[in-house]
């Protein structure tokens, strides 16, 4: 982001004391607290939705969210001399959730439950204004086809790398897991639940992970709602839970503590819990590795890919054991 973008600051009623580099943004220390200046490339409709959603969350009691500021003209969007578009949001100068800290991880789970108690139902916008999160059934069917294509491609390779040998050795088993999870999801009430979520105004964060949880003194903030949309809330929990559990090698105790922490604040409905188990069954990490390989330059396969693949395969039994005790 160039210094030219700072010219948009004149369009706001804020007094900047200093600027700091952020991740794809500029952090502003102001007399009104920390703010974040970032380029915006989405649609105006999406921005209006996000601004309204964040205001709704704030007004319903969760104050630690990155509210989008309005400029002097009352707009959420500001344009610089080159025509580039920017937004300024509230920001929280602290530390990202430390996934190695069990207390941090559980606080992240509690924060998600509090967020879901607000966004679970009741948020309303003009028809068509709320984007939908991805449909899992469509995604799973697509992923299954991608696994089949990768299998056919690797089988046809005359000279295979160790990564390719290991993928081929495990692919049939993981494709079976994928097909079983897809069939279970198809036989569940998943599609009905998604339609109900849209009707109720049930909103997912869309990218709830430890990078978007910030600890500031004795408060915890959640940021980056740019992938939010209507959907069943357990999809948020699954994303957070899976990423954390991979770091803990699917340790049984911490897994149940994370679920229980969330459950105490927002009890998980039984049908959502069933969907969670199906999502955990789906071999998403294996698919990601194989799909990334298939769509990348196969002349050079990083050693890191083989390490990741071996780790996924080693964790599979522990993951299956955890799911069996849910």
Protein backbone atom coordinates (compact mmCIF):
# COMPACT_ATOMS: atom_id res chain seq x y z
CA UNK A 1 0.00 0.00 0.00
CA UNK A 2 1.53 3.32 -1.09
CA UNK A 3 1.80 6.49 0.96
CA UNK A 4 -0.64 8.03 -1.52
CA UNK A 5 -3.41 6.04 0.15
CA UNK A 6 -2.85 8.15 3.28
CA UNK A 7 -4.36 11.08 1.39
CA UNK A 8 -7.83 9.65 2.11
CA UNK A 9 -7.31 10.42 5.81
CA UNK A 10 -8.34 14.01 5.12
CA UNK A 11 -11.81 12.66 4.41
CA UNK A 12 -12.25 11.51 8.04
CA UNK A 13 -12.71 13.24 11.38
CA UNK A 14 -9.74 11.49 12.99
CA UNK A 15 -6.42 12.81 14.29
CA UNK A 16 -3.53 10.49 13.38
CA UNK A 17 -0.57 10.38 15.77
CA UNK A 18 1.53 7.80 13.89
CA UNK A 19 1.24 5.03 11.31
CA UNK A 20 2.40 1.41 11.47
CA UNK A 21 2.62 -1.32 8.85
CA UNK A 22 -0.07 -3.98 9.10
CA UNK A 23 -0.82 -7.13 7.13
CA UNK A 24 -1.96 -5.67 3.80
CA UNK A 25 -2.98 -2.48 5.58
CA UNK A 26 -1.78 0.56 7.50
CA UNK A 27 -2.46 0.72 11.23
CA UNK A 28 -3.25 4.20 12.46
CA UNK A 29 -2.68 5.30 16.03
CA UNK A 30 -5.19 8.10 16.51
CA UNK A 31 -6.58 10.21 19.31
CA UNK A 32 -9.73 8.09 18.90
CA UNK A 33 -7.86 4.79 19.33
CA UNK A 34 -6.32 2.40 16.82
CA UNK A 35 -7.76 2.26 13.31
CA UNK A 36 -6.90 0.28 10.18
CA UNK A 37 -6.68 1.74 6.67
CA UNK A 38 -7.03 -0.83 3.90
CA UNK A 39 -7.81 -1.00 0.21
CA UNK A 40 -11.27 -2.24 -0.67
CA UNK A 41 -11.88 -4.19 -3.88
CA UNK A 42 -15.35 -5.58 -3.23
CA UNK A 43 -18.72 -4.31 -4.35
CA UNK A 44 -20.57 -1.41 -2.75
CA UNK A 45 -23.42 -3.79 -1.89
CA UNK A 46 -21.07 -6.11 -0.04
CA UNK A 47 -19.60 -3.17 1.87
CA UNK A 48 -23.03 -1.87 2.88
CA UNK A 49 -23.92 -5.36 4.14
CA UNK A 50 -20.70 -5.65 6.15
CA UNK A 51 -21.13 -2.20 7.66
CA UNK A 52 -24.69 -3.00 8.67
CA UNK A 53 -23.75 -6.42 10.08
CA UNK A 54 -20.88 -5.07 12.18
CA UNK A 55 -23.09 -2.28 13.54
CA UNK A 56 -25.70 -4.91 14.42
CA UNK A 57 -23.16 -7.05 16.28
CA UNK A 58 -21.80 -4.00 18.15
CA UNK A 59 -25.26 -2.79 19.11
CA UNK A 60 -26.17 -6.24 20.43
CA UNK A 61 -23.33 -6.31 22.93
CA UNK A 62 -20.14 -7.54 21.25
CA UNK A 63 -18.11 -4.33 21.13
CA UNK A 64 -14.77 -5.81 20.07
CA UNK A 65 -15.39 -5.98 16.30
CA UNK A 66 -13.77 -3.98 13.49
CA UNK A 67 -16.56 -1.46 12.84
CA UNK A 68 -16.23 0.35 9.48
CA UNK A 69 -15.96 4.11 9.91
CA UNK A 70 -17.95 6.59 7.86
CA UNK A 71 -16.12 9.54 6.34
CA UNK A 72 -17.18 13.18 6.57
CA UNK A 73 -19.60 12.64 3.67
CA UNK A 74 -21.25 9.76 5.56
CA UNK A 75 -19.87 7.07 3.24
CA UNK A 76 -18.15 3.83 4.22
CA UNK A 77 -15.94 4.07 1.13
CA UNK A 78 -13.29 6.68 0.34
CA UNK A 79 -11.42 7.20 -2.93
CA UNK A 80 -7.92 8.63 -3.40
CA UNK A 81 -6.59 10.78 -6.26
CA UNK A 82 -5.92 7.70 -8.40
CA UNK A 83 -9.42 6.36 -7.98
CA UNK A 84 -8.37 3.55 -5.62
CA UNK A 85 -10.94 2.71 -2.95
CA UNK A 86 -10.27 2.46 0.78
CA UNK A 87 -12.03 1.85 4.06
CA UNK A 88 -11.03 2.61 7.64
CA UNK A 89 -12.06 0.30 10.45
CA UNK A 90 -11.64 0.19 14.19
CA UNK A 91 -8.61 -1.90 15.10
CA UNK A 92 -7.24 -3.73 18.11
CA UNK A 93 -3.52 -3.49 18.83
CA UNK A 94 -2.74 -6.74 20.58
CA UNK A 95 -1.70 -10.35 20.02
CA UNK A 96 -3.32 -12.92 17.79
CA UNK A 97 -4.74 -15.97 19.54
CA UNK A 98 -1.80 -18.19 20.51
CA UNK A 99 -2.81 -21.65 19.33
CA UNK A 100 -0.22 -23.16 21.70
CA UNK A 101 -2.09 -21.71 24.67
CA UNK A 102 -5.04 -23.89 25.70
CA UNK A 103 -6.55 -20.93 27.55
CA UNK A 104 -6.34 -18.76 24.44
CA UNK A 105 -7.90 -21.50 22.33
CA UNK A 106 -10.80 -21.96 24.75
CA UNK A 107 -11.36 -18.19 24.96
CA UNK A 108 -11.54 -18.18 21.16
CA UNK A 109 -14.25 -20.85 21.36
CA UNK A 110 -16.18 -18.83 23.95
CA UNK A 111 -15.93 -15.69 21.81
CA UNK A 112 -17.36 -17.57 18.82
CA UNK A 113 -20.30 -18.78 20.91
CA UNK A 114 -21.02 -15.20 22.05
CA UNK A 115 -20.83 -14.01 18.45
CA UNK A 116 -23.21 -16.77 17.34
CA UNK A 117 -25.70 -15.87 20.07
CA UNK A 118 -25.94 -12.50 18.33
CA UNK A 119 -25.78 -13.58 14.68
CA UNK A 120 -27.79 -16.81 15.08
CA UNK A 121 -31.02 -15.20 14.05
CA UNK A 122 -32.63 -11.83 13.77
CA UNK A 123 -30.24 -9.95 11.48
CA UNK A 124 -32.23 -8.59 8.57
CA UNK A 125 -31.13 -6.87 5.38
CA UNK A 126 -32.74 -5.98 2.09
CA UNK A 127 -33.57 -9.09 -0.05
CA UNK A 128 -30.48 -10.47 -1.75
CA UNK A 129 -28.09 -8.30 0.25
CA UNK A 130 -26.72 -11.11 2.42
CA UNK A 131 -24.26 -13.39 0.60
CA UNK A 132 -24.45 -17.12 1.26
CA UNK A 133 -21.56 -19.18 2.58
CA UNK A 134 -20.46 -22.15 0.46
CA UNK A 135 -22.79 -25.13 0.15
CA UNK A 136 -20.90 -28.09 1.61
CA UNK A 137 -22.69 -30.69 -0.49
CA UNK A 138 -21.73 -28.94 -3.71
CA UNK A 139 -18.17 -28.48 -2.45
CA UNK A 140 -17.77 -32.11 -1.39
CA UNK A 141 -18.98 -33.46 -4.72
CA UNK A 142 -16.58 -31.17 -6.53
CA UNK A 143 -13.69 -32.18 -4.26
CA UNK A 144 -14.43 -35.87 -4.83
CA UNK A 145 -14.15 -35.36 -8.59
CA UNK A 146 -10.88 -33.52 -8.09
CA UNK A 147 -9.49 -36.44 -6.07
CA UNK A 148 -10.50 -38.84 -8.84
CA UNK A 149 -8.82 -36.69 -11.49
CA UNK A 150 -5.63 -36.48 -9.44
CA UNK A 151 -5.64 -40.27 -8.99
CA UNK A 152 -5.95 -40.82 -12.74
CA UNK A 153 -3.19 -38.32 -13.44
CA UNK A 154 -0.72 -39.81 -10.95
CA UNK A 155 -1.43 -43.35 -12.13
CA UNK A 156 -0.45 -42.25 -15.63
CA UNK A 157 2.87 -40.74 -14.56
CA UNK A 158 5.86 -42.87 -15.59
CA UNK A 159 8.29 -41.31 -13.15
CA UNK A 160 6.68 -40.66 -9.78
CA UNK A 161 8.09 -38.71 -6.88
CA UNK A 162 7.89 -39.99 -3.31
CA UNK A 163 5.05 -37.55 -2.69
CA UNK A 164 3.12 -38.99 -5.64
CA UNK A 165 3.74 -42.58 -4.49
CA UNK A 166 2.46 -41.72 -1.02
CA UNK A 167 -0.60 -39.95 -2.41
CA UNK A 168 -1.45 -42.91 -4.62
CA UNK A 169 -0.95 -45.35 -1.73
CA UNK A 170 -3.50 -43.51 0.40
CA UNK A 171 -5.85 -41.94 -2.11
CA UNK A 172 -8.38 -44.78 -2.44
CA UNK A 173 -8.85 -44.91 1.33
CA UNK A 174 -9.29 -41.15 1.63
CA UNK A 175 -11.66 -41.09 -1.33
CA UNK A 176 -13.76 -43.67 0.50
CA UNK A 177 -13.85 -41.35 3.55
CA UNK A 178 -14.85 -38.47 1.27
CA UNK A 179 -17.64 -40.41 -0.44
CA UNK A 180 -19.03 -41.69 2.87
CA UNK A 181 -19.08 -38.16 4.34
CA UNK A 182 -20.77 -36.83 1.19
CA UNK A 183 -23.43 -39.55 1.30
CA UNK A 184 -24.10 -38.90 5.00
CA UNK A 185 -24.40 -35.18 4.38
CA UNK A 186 -26.78 -35.82 1.48
CA UNK A 187 -28.95 -38.05 3.71
CA UNK A 188 -29.01 -35.47 6.52
CA UNK A 189 -31.16 -32.34 6.90
CA UNK A 190 -28.26 -30.20 5.73
CA UNK A 191 -29.97 -28.47 2.80
CA UNK A 192 -33.10 -27.83 4.87
CA UNK A 193 -30.91 -26.36 7.62
CA UNK A 194 -29.16 -24.03 5.18
CA UNK A 195 -32.50 -22.74 3.87
CA UNK A 196 -33.65 -22.21 7.45
CA UNK A 197 -30.45 -20.26 8.21
CA UNK A 198 -31.19 -17.88 5.33
CA UNK A 199 -34.79 -17.44 6.50
CA UNK A 200 -33.76 -16.75 10.12
CA UNK A 201 -30.97 -14.34 9.22
CA UNK A 202 -28.32 -16.66 10.63
CA UNK A 203 -24.86 -15.28 9.80
CA UNK A 204 -21.48 -17.06 9.87
CA UNK A 205 -18.20 -15.20 10.30
CA UNK A 206 -16.94 -17.25 7.34
CA UNK A 207 -13.25 -17.34 8.27
CA UNK A 208 -13.11 -17.83 12.01
CA UNK A 209 -9.55 -18.83 12.84
CA UNK A 210 -6.89 -17.85 15.34
CA UNK A 211 -5.47 -15.16 13.03
CA UNK A 212 -8.77 -13.26 13.32
CA UNK A 213 -8.95 -13.41 17.13
CA UNK A 214 -7.00 -10.65 18.88
CA UNK A 215 -6.28 -10.43 22.61
CA UNK A 216 -6.12 -6.85 23.89
CA UNK A 217 -5.39 -6.62 27.62
CA UNK A 218 -8.44 -8.22 29.27
CA UNK A 219 -10.60 -8.23 26.13
CA UNK A 220 -10.85 -10.45 23.06
CA UNK A 221 -11.75 -9.11 19.61
CA UNK A 222 -12.89 -10.79 16.41
CA UNK A 223 -12.07 -9.15 13.07
CA UNK A 224 -12.21 -9.62 9.29
CA UNK A 225 -15.83 -10.37 8.44
CA UNK A 226 -15.23 -10.06 4.69
CA UNK A 227 -16.16 -13.73 4.09
CA UNK A 228 -19.25 -13.65 6.29
CA UNK A 229 -22.64 -14.75 5.00
CA UNK A 230 -25.76 -16.74 5.75
CA UNK A 231 -25.31 -20.37 6.73
CA UNK A 232 -25.53 -22.85 9.56
CA UNK A 233 -23.34 -21.63 12.40
CA UNK A 234 -21.56 -24.94 12.98
CA UNK A 235 -19.52 -24.28 9.83
CA UNK A 236 -17.70 -21.51 11.73
CA UNK A 237 -17.04 -23.80 14.66
CA UNK A 238 -15.80 -26.60 12.40
CA UNK A 239 -13.21 -24.38 10.70
CA UNK A 240 -11.85 -23.13 14.01
CA UNK A 241 -11.99 -26.54 15.67
CA UNK A 242 -10.30 -28.47 12.85
CA UNK A 243 -7.40 -26.05 12.55
CA UNK A 244 -6.81 -26.06 16.31
CA UNK A 245 -7.10 -29.84 16.61
CA UNK A 246 -4.56 -30.37 13.84
CA UNK A 247 -2.10 -28.35 15.93
CA UNK A 248 -2.88 -30.55 18.97
CA UNK A 249 -2.62 -33.82 17.05
CA UNK A 250 -6.32 -34.49 17.78
CA UNK A 251 -5.73 -34.67 21.52
CA UNK A 252 -8.98 -35.91 23.05
CA UNK A 253 -9.00 -33.75 26.20
CA UNK A 254 -8.50 -30.36 24.59
CA UNK A 255 -11.00 -31.22 21.86
CA UNK A 256 -13.79 -31.89 24.33
CA UNK A 257 -12.84 -28.81 26.36
CA UNK A 258 -13.19 -26.60 23.27
CA UNK A 259 -16.60 -28.08 22.47
CA UNK A 260 -17.76 -27.80 26.07
CA UNK A 261 -16.58 -24.17 26.32
CA UNK A 262 -18.68 -23.26 23.28
CA UNK A 263 -21.60 -25.42 24.42
CA UNK A 264 -21.89 -23.66 27.78
CA UNK A 265 -22.55 -20.33 26.06
CA UNK A 266 -24.42 -21.52 22.98
CA UNK A 267 -25.67 -25.11 23.25
CA UNK A 268 -25.08 -26.85 19.92
CA UNK A 269 -28.37 -28.19 18.48
CA UNK A 270 -28.23 -31.96 17.92
CA UNK A 271 -28.65 -31.65 14.14
CA UNK A 272 -25.77 -29.17 13.95
CA UNK A 273 -23.65 -31.51 16.04
CA UNK A 274 -24.38 -34.30 13.53
CA UNK A 275 -23.25 -32.01 10.70
CA UNK A 276 -20.07 -31.21 12.64
CA UNK A 277 -19.20 -34.90 12.85
CA UNK A 278 -19.78 -35.33 9.12
CA UNK A 279 -17.58 -32.32 8.34
CA UNK A 280 -14.83 -33.73 10.53
CA UNK A 281 -15.12 -37.05 8.69
CA UNK A 282 -14.45 -35.38 5.35
CA UNK A 283 -10.67 -35.54 4.60
CA UNK A 284 -10.37 -31.84 3.85
CA UNK A 285 -6.67 -31.46 4.60
CA UNK A 286 -5.80 -34.46 2.39
CA UNK A 287 -7.94 -33.03 -0.43
CA UNK A 288 -6.26 -29.61 -0.10
CA UNK A 289 -2.78 -31.09 -0.41
CA UNK A 290 -3.68 -33.26 -3.40
CA UNK A 291 -5.62 -30.50 -5.15
CA UNK A 292 -2.82 -28.00 -4.62
CA UNK A 293 -0.37 -30.50 -6.11
CA UNK A 294 -2.63 -31.18 -9.10
CA UNK A 295 -3.02 -27.46 -9.91
CA UNK A 296 0.64 -26.52 -9.40
CA UNK A 297 3.91 -26.98 -11.26
CA UNK A 298 4.58 -30.71 -10.95
CA UNK A 299 8.17 -30.44 -12.20
CA UNK A 300 9.21 -29.49 -8.67
CA UNK A 301 7.35 -30.71 -5.59
CA UNK A 302 8.51 -29.08 -2.33
CA UNK A 303 9.72 -31.44 0.40
CA UNK A 304 7.28 -29.63 2.69
CA UNK A 305 4.39 -31.19 0.76
CA UNK A 306 5.60 -34.68 1.62
CA UNK A 307 5.97 -33.71 5.28
CA UNK A 308 2.42 -32.33 5.35
CA UNK A 309 1.03 -35.42 3.64
CA UNK A 310 2.76 -37.78 6.06
CA UNK A 311 1.49 -35.74 9.01
CA UNK A 312 -2.12 -35.88 7.73
CA UNK A 313 -1.89 -39.66 7.33
CA UNK A 314 -0.33 -40.09 10.78
CA UNK A 315 -3.10 -38.00 12.38
CA UNK A 316 -5.93 -39.82 10.63
CA UNK A 317 -6.30 -42.61 13.20
CA UNK A 318 -6.30 -40.14 16.09
CA UNK A 319 -8.89 -38.07 14.26
CA UNK A 320 -11.10 -41.13 13.68
CA UNK A 321 -10.76 -42.07 17.35
CA UNK A 322 -11.79 -38.57 18.42
CA UNK A 323 -14.86 -38.57 16.15
CA UNK A 324 -15.91 -41.98 17.50
CA UNK A 325 -16.07 -40.51 21.04
CA UNK A 326 -18.06 -37.40 20.10
